[in-house]
C-alpha atoms as a PDB file:
ATOM      1  CA  MET A   1       6.094  14.294 -14.318  1.00  0.00           C
ATOM      2  CA  ALA A   2       9.750  12.677 -14.075  1.00  0.00           C
ATOM      3  CA  VAL A   3      11.328  15.959 -15.519  1.00  0.00           C
ATOM      4  CA  ARG A   4      10.034  17.788 -12.911  1.00  0.00           C
ATOM      5  CA  PHE A   5      10.893  15.247 -10.464  1.00  0.00           C
ATOM      6  CA  LYS A   6      14.400  15.444 -11.445  1.00  0.00           C
ATOM      7  CA  GLY A   7      14.304  19.118 -11.307  1.00  0.00           C
ATOM      8  CA  PHE A   8      13.381  18.769  -7.502  1.00  0.00           C
ATOM      9  CA  LYS A   9      16.218  16.429  -6.995  1.00  0.00           C
ATOM     10  CA  LEU A  10      18.708  18.786  -8.565  1.00  0.00           C
ATOM     11  CA  ALA A  11      17.556  21.938  -6.270  1.00  0.00           C
ATOM     12  CA  GLY A  12      18.497  19.130  -3.188  1.00  0.00           C
ATOM     13  CA  ILE A  13      14.734  18.541  -2.075  1.00  0.00           C
ATOM     14  CA  GLU A  14      14.121  15.272  -0.975  1.00  0.00           C
ATOM     15  CA  PRO A  15      10.362  13.810  -1.535  1.00  0.00           C
ATOM     16  CA  SER A  16       7.832  13.545   1.276  1.00  0.00           C
ATOM     17  CA  CYS A  17       5.834  10.510   1.490  1.00  0.00           C
ATOM     18  CA  GLU A  18       2.942  12.597  -0.384  1.00  0.00           C
ATOM     19  CA  THR A  19       5.440  13.365  -3.010  1.00  0.00           C
ATOM     20  CA  VAL A  20       6.282   9.546  -3.327  1.00  0.00           C
ATOM     21  CA  GLY A  21       2.792   8.815  -3.215  1.00  0.00           C
ATOM     22  CA  VAL A  22       1.495  10.799  -6.295  1.00  0.00           C
ATOM     23  CA  LEU A  23       4.670   9.275  -8.314  1.00  0.00           C
ATOM     24  CA  LEU A  24       3.131   5.642  -7.232  1.00  0.00           C
ATOM     25  CA  SER A  25      -0.402   6.960  -8.284  1.00  0.00           C
ATOM     26  CA  ALA A  26       1.064   8.090 -11.642  1.00  0.00           C
ATOM     27  CA  LEU A  27       2.595   4.706 -12.282  1.00  0.00           C
ATOM     28  CA  CYS A  28      -0.825   2.915 -12.465  1.00  0.00           C
ATOM     29  CA  ALA A  29      -1.900   5.629 -15.371  1.00  0.00           C
ATOM     30  CA  CYS A  30       1.185   5.179 -17.125  1.00  0.00           C
ATOM     31  CA  GLN A  31       0.535   4.262 -20.776  1.00  0.00           C
ATOM     32  CA  SER A  32       4.032   2.906 -21.707  1.00  0.00           C
ATOM     33  CA  VAL A  33       6.845   1.071 -20.840  1.00  0.00           C
ATOM     34  CA  THR A  34       9.267   4.384 -20.919  1.00  0.00           C
ATOM     35  CA  GLU A  35       6.979   6.275 -18.592  1.00  0.00           C
ATOM     36  CA  VAL A  36       6.573   3.324 -16.009  1.00  0.00           C
ATOM     37  CA  SER A  37      10.443   3.235 -16.072  1.00  0.00           C
ATOM     38  CA  ALA A  38      11.063   7.029 -15.688  1.00  0.00           C
ATOM     39  CA  LEU A  39       8.695   7.318 -12.629  1.00  0.00           C
ATOM     40  CA  MET A  40      10.394   3.683 -11.411  1.00  0.00           C
ATOM     41  CA  SER A  41      13.719   5.584 -11.894  1.00  0.00           C
ATOM     42  CA  CYS A  42      12.263   8.926  -9.410  1.00  0.00           C
ATOM     43  CA  ILE A  43      10.995   6.279  -6.921  1.00  0.00           C
ATOM     44  CA  HIS A  44      14.389   4.643  -6.935  1.00  0.00           C
ATOM     45  CA  SER A  45      16.442   7.219  -6.551  1.00  0.00           C
ATOM     46  CA  CYS A  46      14.576   8.614  -3.332  1.00  0.00           C
ATOM     47  CA  LYS A  47      16.926   7.364  -0.572  1.00  0.00           C
ATOM     48  CA  ASN A  48      14.468   7.237   2.075  1.00  0.00           C
ATOM     49  CA  PHE A  49      11.787   5.422  -0.089  1.00  0.00           C
ATOM     50  CA  LYS A  50      14.057   2.879  -2.222  1.00  0.00           C
ATOM     51  CA  VAL A  51      12.801   0.180  -0.944  1.00  0.00           C
ATOM     52  CA  ILE A  52       9.267   0.989  -2.121  1.00  0.00           C
ATOM     53  CA  ALA A  53      10.822   0.678  -5.991  1.00  0.00           C
ATOM     54  CA  ASP A  54      12.080  -3.001  -4.603  1.00  0.00           C
ATOM     55  CA  LEU A  55       8.459  -3.834  -3.779  1.00  0.00           C
ATOM     56  CA  LEU A  56       7.598  -3.064  -7.196  1.00  0.00           C
ATOM     57  CA  ASP A  57      10.139  -4.454  -9.394  1.00  0.00           C
ATOM     58  CA  GLU A  58       9.849  -7.573 -10.697  1.00  0.00           C
ATOM     59  CA  ARG A  59      13.541  -8.294 -10.695  1.00  0.00           C
ATOM     60  CA  SER A  60      12.955  -8.344  -6.766  1.00  0.00           C
ATOM     61  CA  GLU A  61      11.311 -11.387  -6.833  1.00  0.00           C
ATOM     62  CA  GLY A  62      14.584 -13.414  -6.878  1.00  0.00           C
ATOM     63  CA  LYS A  63      15.801 -11.406  -3.902  1.00  0.00           C
ATOM     64  CA  ASP A  64      15.368 -12.955  -0.225  1.00  0.00           C
ATOM     65  CA  LYS A  65      11.658 -12.100   0.270  1.00  0.00           C
ATOM     66  CA  GLU A  66      12.305 -11.658   4.119  1.00  0.00           C
ATOM     67  CA  SER A  67      14.766  -9.214   3.742  1.00  0.00           C
ATOM     68  CA  LEU A  68      12.990  -7.129   1.296  1.00  0.00           C
ATOM     69  CA  TRP A  69       9.817  -7.042   3.901  1.00  0.00           C
ATOM     70  CA  LYS A  70      12.105  -6.331   6.723  1.00  0.00           C
ATOM     71  CA  ASP A  71      13.549  -3.089   4.751  1.00  0.00           C
ATOM     72  CA  ALA A  72       9.632  -2.356   4.196  1.00  0.00           C
ATOM     73  CA  VAL A  73       8.761  -2.572   7.527  1.00  0.00           C
ATOM     74  CA  ALA A  74      11.883  -0.342   8.810  1.00  0.00           C
ATOM     75  CA  LEU A  75      10.425   2.198   6.372  1.00  0.00           C
ATOM     76  CA  PHE A  76       6.713   1.674   7.394  1.00  0.00           C
ATOM     77  CA  ASP A  77       7.978   1.734  11.449  1.00  0.00           C
ATOM     78  CA  ARG A  78       9.791   5.580  10.395  1.00  0.00           C
ATOM     79  CA  LEU A  79       7.056   7.206   8.747  1.00  0.00           C
ATOM     80  CA  GLN A  80       4.883   6.726  11.814  1.00  0.00           C
ATOM     81  CA  LEU A  81       6.749   9.831  12.574  1.00  0.00           C
ATOM     82  CA  GLU A  82       4.555  11.234   9.529  1.00  0.00           C
ATOM     83  CA  GLY A  83       0.804  12.574   9.946  1.00  0.00           C
ATOM     84  CA  THR A  84      -1.908  10.145   9.542  1.00  0.00           C
ATOM     85  CA  ALA A  85      -2.572  11.965   6.386  1.00  0.00           C
ATOM     86  CA  ALA A  86       0.776  11.493   4.503  1.00  0.00           C
ATOM     87  CA  ARG A  87       0.966   7.892   5.764  1.00  0.00           C
ATOM     88  CA  LEU A  88      -2.602   7.242   4.289  1.00  0.00           C
ATOM     89  CA  VAL A  89      -1.498   8.723   0.791  1.00  0.00           C
ATOM     90  CA  LEU A  90       1.426   6.637   0.999  1.00  0.00           C
ATOM     91  CA  TYR A  91       0.022   3.526   1.812  1.00  0.00           C
ATOM     92  CA  ASP A  92      -3.024   3.793  -0.711  1.00  0.00           C
ATOM     93  CA  SER A  93      -0.840   4.480  -3.455  1.00  0.00           C
ATOM     94  CA  LEU A  94       1.235   1.896  -2.664  1.00  0.00           C
ATOM     95  CA  VAL A  95      -1.259  -0.785  -2.526  1.00  0.00           C
ATOM     96  CA  GLU A  96      -2.783   0.773  -5.508  1.00  0.00           C
ATOM     97  CA  ALA A  97       0.436  -0.116  -7.498  1.00  0.00           C
ATOM     98  CA  LEU A  98       1.402  -3.188  -6.135  1.00  0.00           C
ATOM     99  CA  TRP A  99      -2.353  -4.431  -7.270  1.00  0.00           C
ATOM    100  CA  CYS A 100      -2.179  -2.672 -10.755  1.00  0.00           C
ATOM    101  CA  PHE A 101       1.101  -4.419 -11.083  1.00  0.00           C
ATOM    102  CA  GLY A 102      -0.157  -8.166 -10.126  1.00  0.00           C
ATOM    103  CA  TRP A 103       1.498  -7.952  -7.025  1.00  0.00           C
ATOM    104  CA  ARG A 104      -1.834  -9.401  -4.869  1.00  0.00           C
ATOM    105  CA  ALA A 105       0.078 -10.540  -1.916  1.00  0.00           C
ATOM    106  CA  ARG A 106       2.184  -7.903  -1.299  1.00  0.00           C
ATOM    107  CA  ALA A 107      -0.754  -5.322  -1.932  1.00  0.00           C
ATOM    108  CA  ARG A 108      -1.988  -7.121   0.747  1.00  0.00           C
ATOM    109  CA  ARG A 109       0.993  -7.229   3.166  1.00  0.00           C
ATOM    110  CA  VAL A 110       1.341  -3.685   2.924  1.00  0.00           C
ATOM    111  CA  LEU A 111      -2.312  -3.173   3.237  1.00  0.00           C
ATOM    112  CA  MET A 112      -2.352  -5.156   6.781  1.00  0.00           C
ATOM    113  CA  ALA A 113       0.822  -3.199   7.727  1.00  0.00           C
ATOM    114  CA  GLY A 114      -0.696   0.121   7.254  1.00  0.00           C
ATOM    115  CA  ARG A 115      -3.744  -1.440   9.288  1.00  0.00           C
ATOM    116  CA  GLU A 116      -1.429  -2.655  12.026  1.00  0.00           C
ATOM    117  CA  ARG A 117      -0.085   1.224  12.537  1.00  0.00           C
ATOM    118  CA  GLY A 118      -3.273   2.928  12.544  1.00  0.00           C
ATOM    119  CA  VAL A 119      -3.645   4.299   8.700  1.00  0.00           C
ATOM    120  CA  PHE A 120      -6.648   2.729   7.861  1.00  0.00           C
ATOM    121  CA  PRO A 121      -8.932   3.075  11.252  1.00  0.00           C
ATOM    122  CA  GLN A 122     -11.838   2.521   9.232  1.00  0.00           C
ATOM    123  CA  ALA A 123     -11.032  -0.837   8.573  1.00  0.00           C
ATOM    124  CA  ARG A 124     -12.591  -3.501  11.040  1.00  0.00           C
ATOM    125  CA  ALA A 125     -14.316  -1.548  13.345  1.00  0.00           C
ATOM    126  CA  PHE A 126     -16.877  -3.104  16.219  1.00  0.00           C
ATOM    127  CA  SER A 127     -20.043  -2.046  16.584  1.00  0.00           C
ATOM    128  CA  GLY A 128     -21.160  -4.361  19.482  1.00  0.00           C
ATOM    129  CA  GLU A 129     -21.500  -7.632  17.813  1.00  0.00           C
ATOM    130  CA  GLU A 130     -21.094  -6.375  13.977  1.00  0.00           C
ATOM    131  CA  LEU A 131     -17.876  -6.280  12.577  1.00  0.00           C
ATOM    132  CA  LEU A 132     -18.202  -3.060   9.895  1.00  0.00           C
ATOM    133  CA  LEU A 133     -16.076  -2.415   7.050  1.00  0.00           C
ATOM    134  CA  ASP A 134     -15.858   1.342   6.161  1.00  0.00           C
ATOM    135  CA  LEU A 135     -14.126   1.822   2.470  1.00  0.00           C
ATOM    136  CA  HIS A 136     -14.291   5.771   2.041  1.00  0.00           C
ATOM    137  CA  MET A 137     -11.146   7.407   1.285  1.00  0.00           C
ATOM    138  CA  LEU A 138      -9.623   4.305  -0.022  1.00  0.00           C
ATOM    139  CA  SER A 139      -9.225   4.113  -4.255  1.00  0.00           C
ATOM    140  CA  VAL A 140     -10.782   1.433  -5.708  1.00  0.00           C
ATOM    141  CA  ASN A 141      -8.338  -1.098  -5.839  1.00  0.00           C
ATOM    142  CA  VAL A 142      -7.158  -0.584  -2.167  1.00  0.00           C
ATOM    143  CA  ALA A 143     -10.892  -0.835  -1.207  1.00  0.00           C
ATOM    144  CA  GLN A 144     -11.175  -4.058  -3.085  1.00  0.00           C
ATOM    145  CA  VAL A 145      -8.132  -5.323  -1.432  1.00  0.00           C
ATOM    146  CA  MET A 146      -9.819  -4.761   2.085  1.00  0.00           C
ATOM    147  CA  LEU A 147     -12.946  -5.831   1.254  1.00  0.00           C
ATOM    148  CA  LEU A 148     -11.283  -9.756  -0.087  1.00  0.00           C
ATOM    149  CA  MET A 149      -9.596  -9.483   3.052  1.00  0.00           C
ATOM    150  CA  TRP A 150     -12.341  -8.764   5.078  1.00  0.00           C
ATOM    151  CA  LEU A 151     -14.188 -11.173   3.687  1.00  0.00           C
ATOM    152  CA  CYS A 152     -11.521 -14.185   4.182  1.00  0.00           C
ATOM    153  CA  GLU A 153     -11.258 -12.918   7.840  1.00  0.00           C
ATOM    154  CA  MET A 154     -15.086 -13.034   7.959  1.00  0.00           C
ATOM    155  CA  GLU A 155     -14.841 -16.584   6.186  1.00  0.00           C
ATOM    156  CA  SER A 156     -12.262 -18.073   8.659  1.00  0.00           C
ATOM    157  CA  THR A 157     -14.252 -16.312  11.789  1.00  0.00           C
ATOM    158  CA  CYS A 158     -17.194 -18.829  10.764  1.00  0.00           C
ATOM    159  CA  ILE A 159     -15.037 -21.749  10.556  1.00  0.00           C
ATOM    160  CA  LYS A 160     -13.252 -21.394  13.428  1.00  0.00           C
ATOM    161  CA  GLU A 161     -16.438 -20.503  15.540  1.00  0.00           C
ATOM    162  CA  ASP A 162     -18.315 -23.020  13.356  1.00  0.00           C
ATOM    163  CA  THR A 163     -20.861 -20.258  12.863  1.00  0.00           C
ATOM    164  CA  PRO A 164     -23.693 -20.484  10.332  1.00  0.00           C
ATOM    165  CA  TYR A 165     -23.084 -18.007   7.394  1.00  0.00           C
ATOM    166  CA  GLU A 166     -26.709 -17.251   7.682  1.00  0.00           C
ATOM    167  CA  GLN A 167     -25.835 -16.197  11.180  1.00  0.00           C
ATOM    168  CA  VAL A 168     -23.241 -13.493   9.866  1.00  0.00           C
ATOM    169  CA  TYR A 169     -24.161  -9.938   9.152  1.00  0.00           C
ATOM    170  CA  THR A 170     -22.807  -7.526   7.112  1.00  0.00           C
END
């Protein structure tokens, strides 16, 4: 995949967010450090998506976290011009990759950013007094992160409103 990607770059084709999403998905399936390194190099070479590689890179742990997150938010804001399906591919793949590589807090933060920007409209739907969570169209790991966030929100709601757990319906 990395070889094909480099061919696109040599032809002067800049990758779309769907292309970067495919590269991110492929990262989770890598069997060796060499494969991961080649795909990370591809993502890092995308001038518009360089921050994604930084989010995944363990060397970025020492960098200023807020600066890294500011760059990520700037990318997410630029992506608002893309279609919802294209953004869903990128956010889903990025959360999946972050989760697979052990960056749980970053995965949660990216998911929240996507939710704030309407990428996951099925999340936290209200029906009367019920809070619903639809995990369709999400990858397994993204659904897991979404469910964990939802459970935390339910718990904080119960604590804040002093509602007994028995009265909370799912």
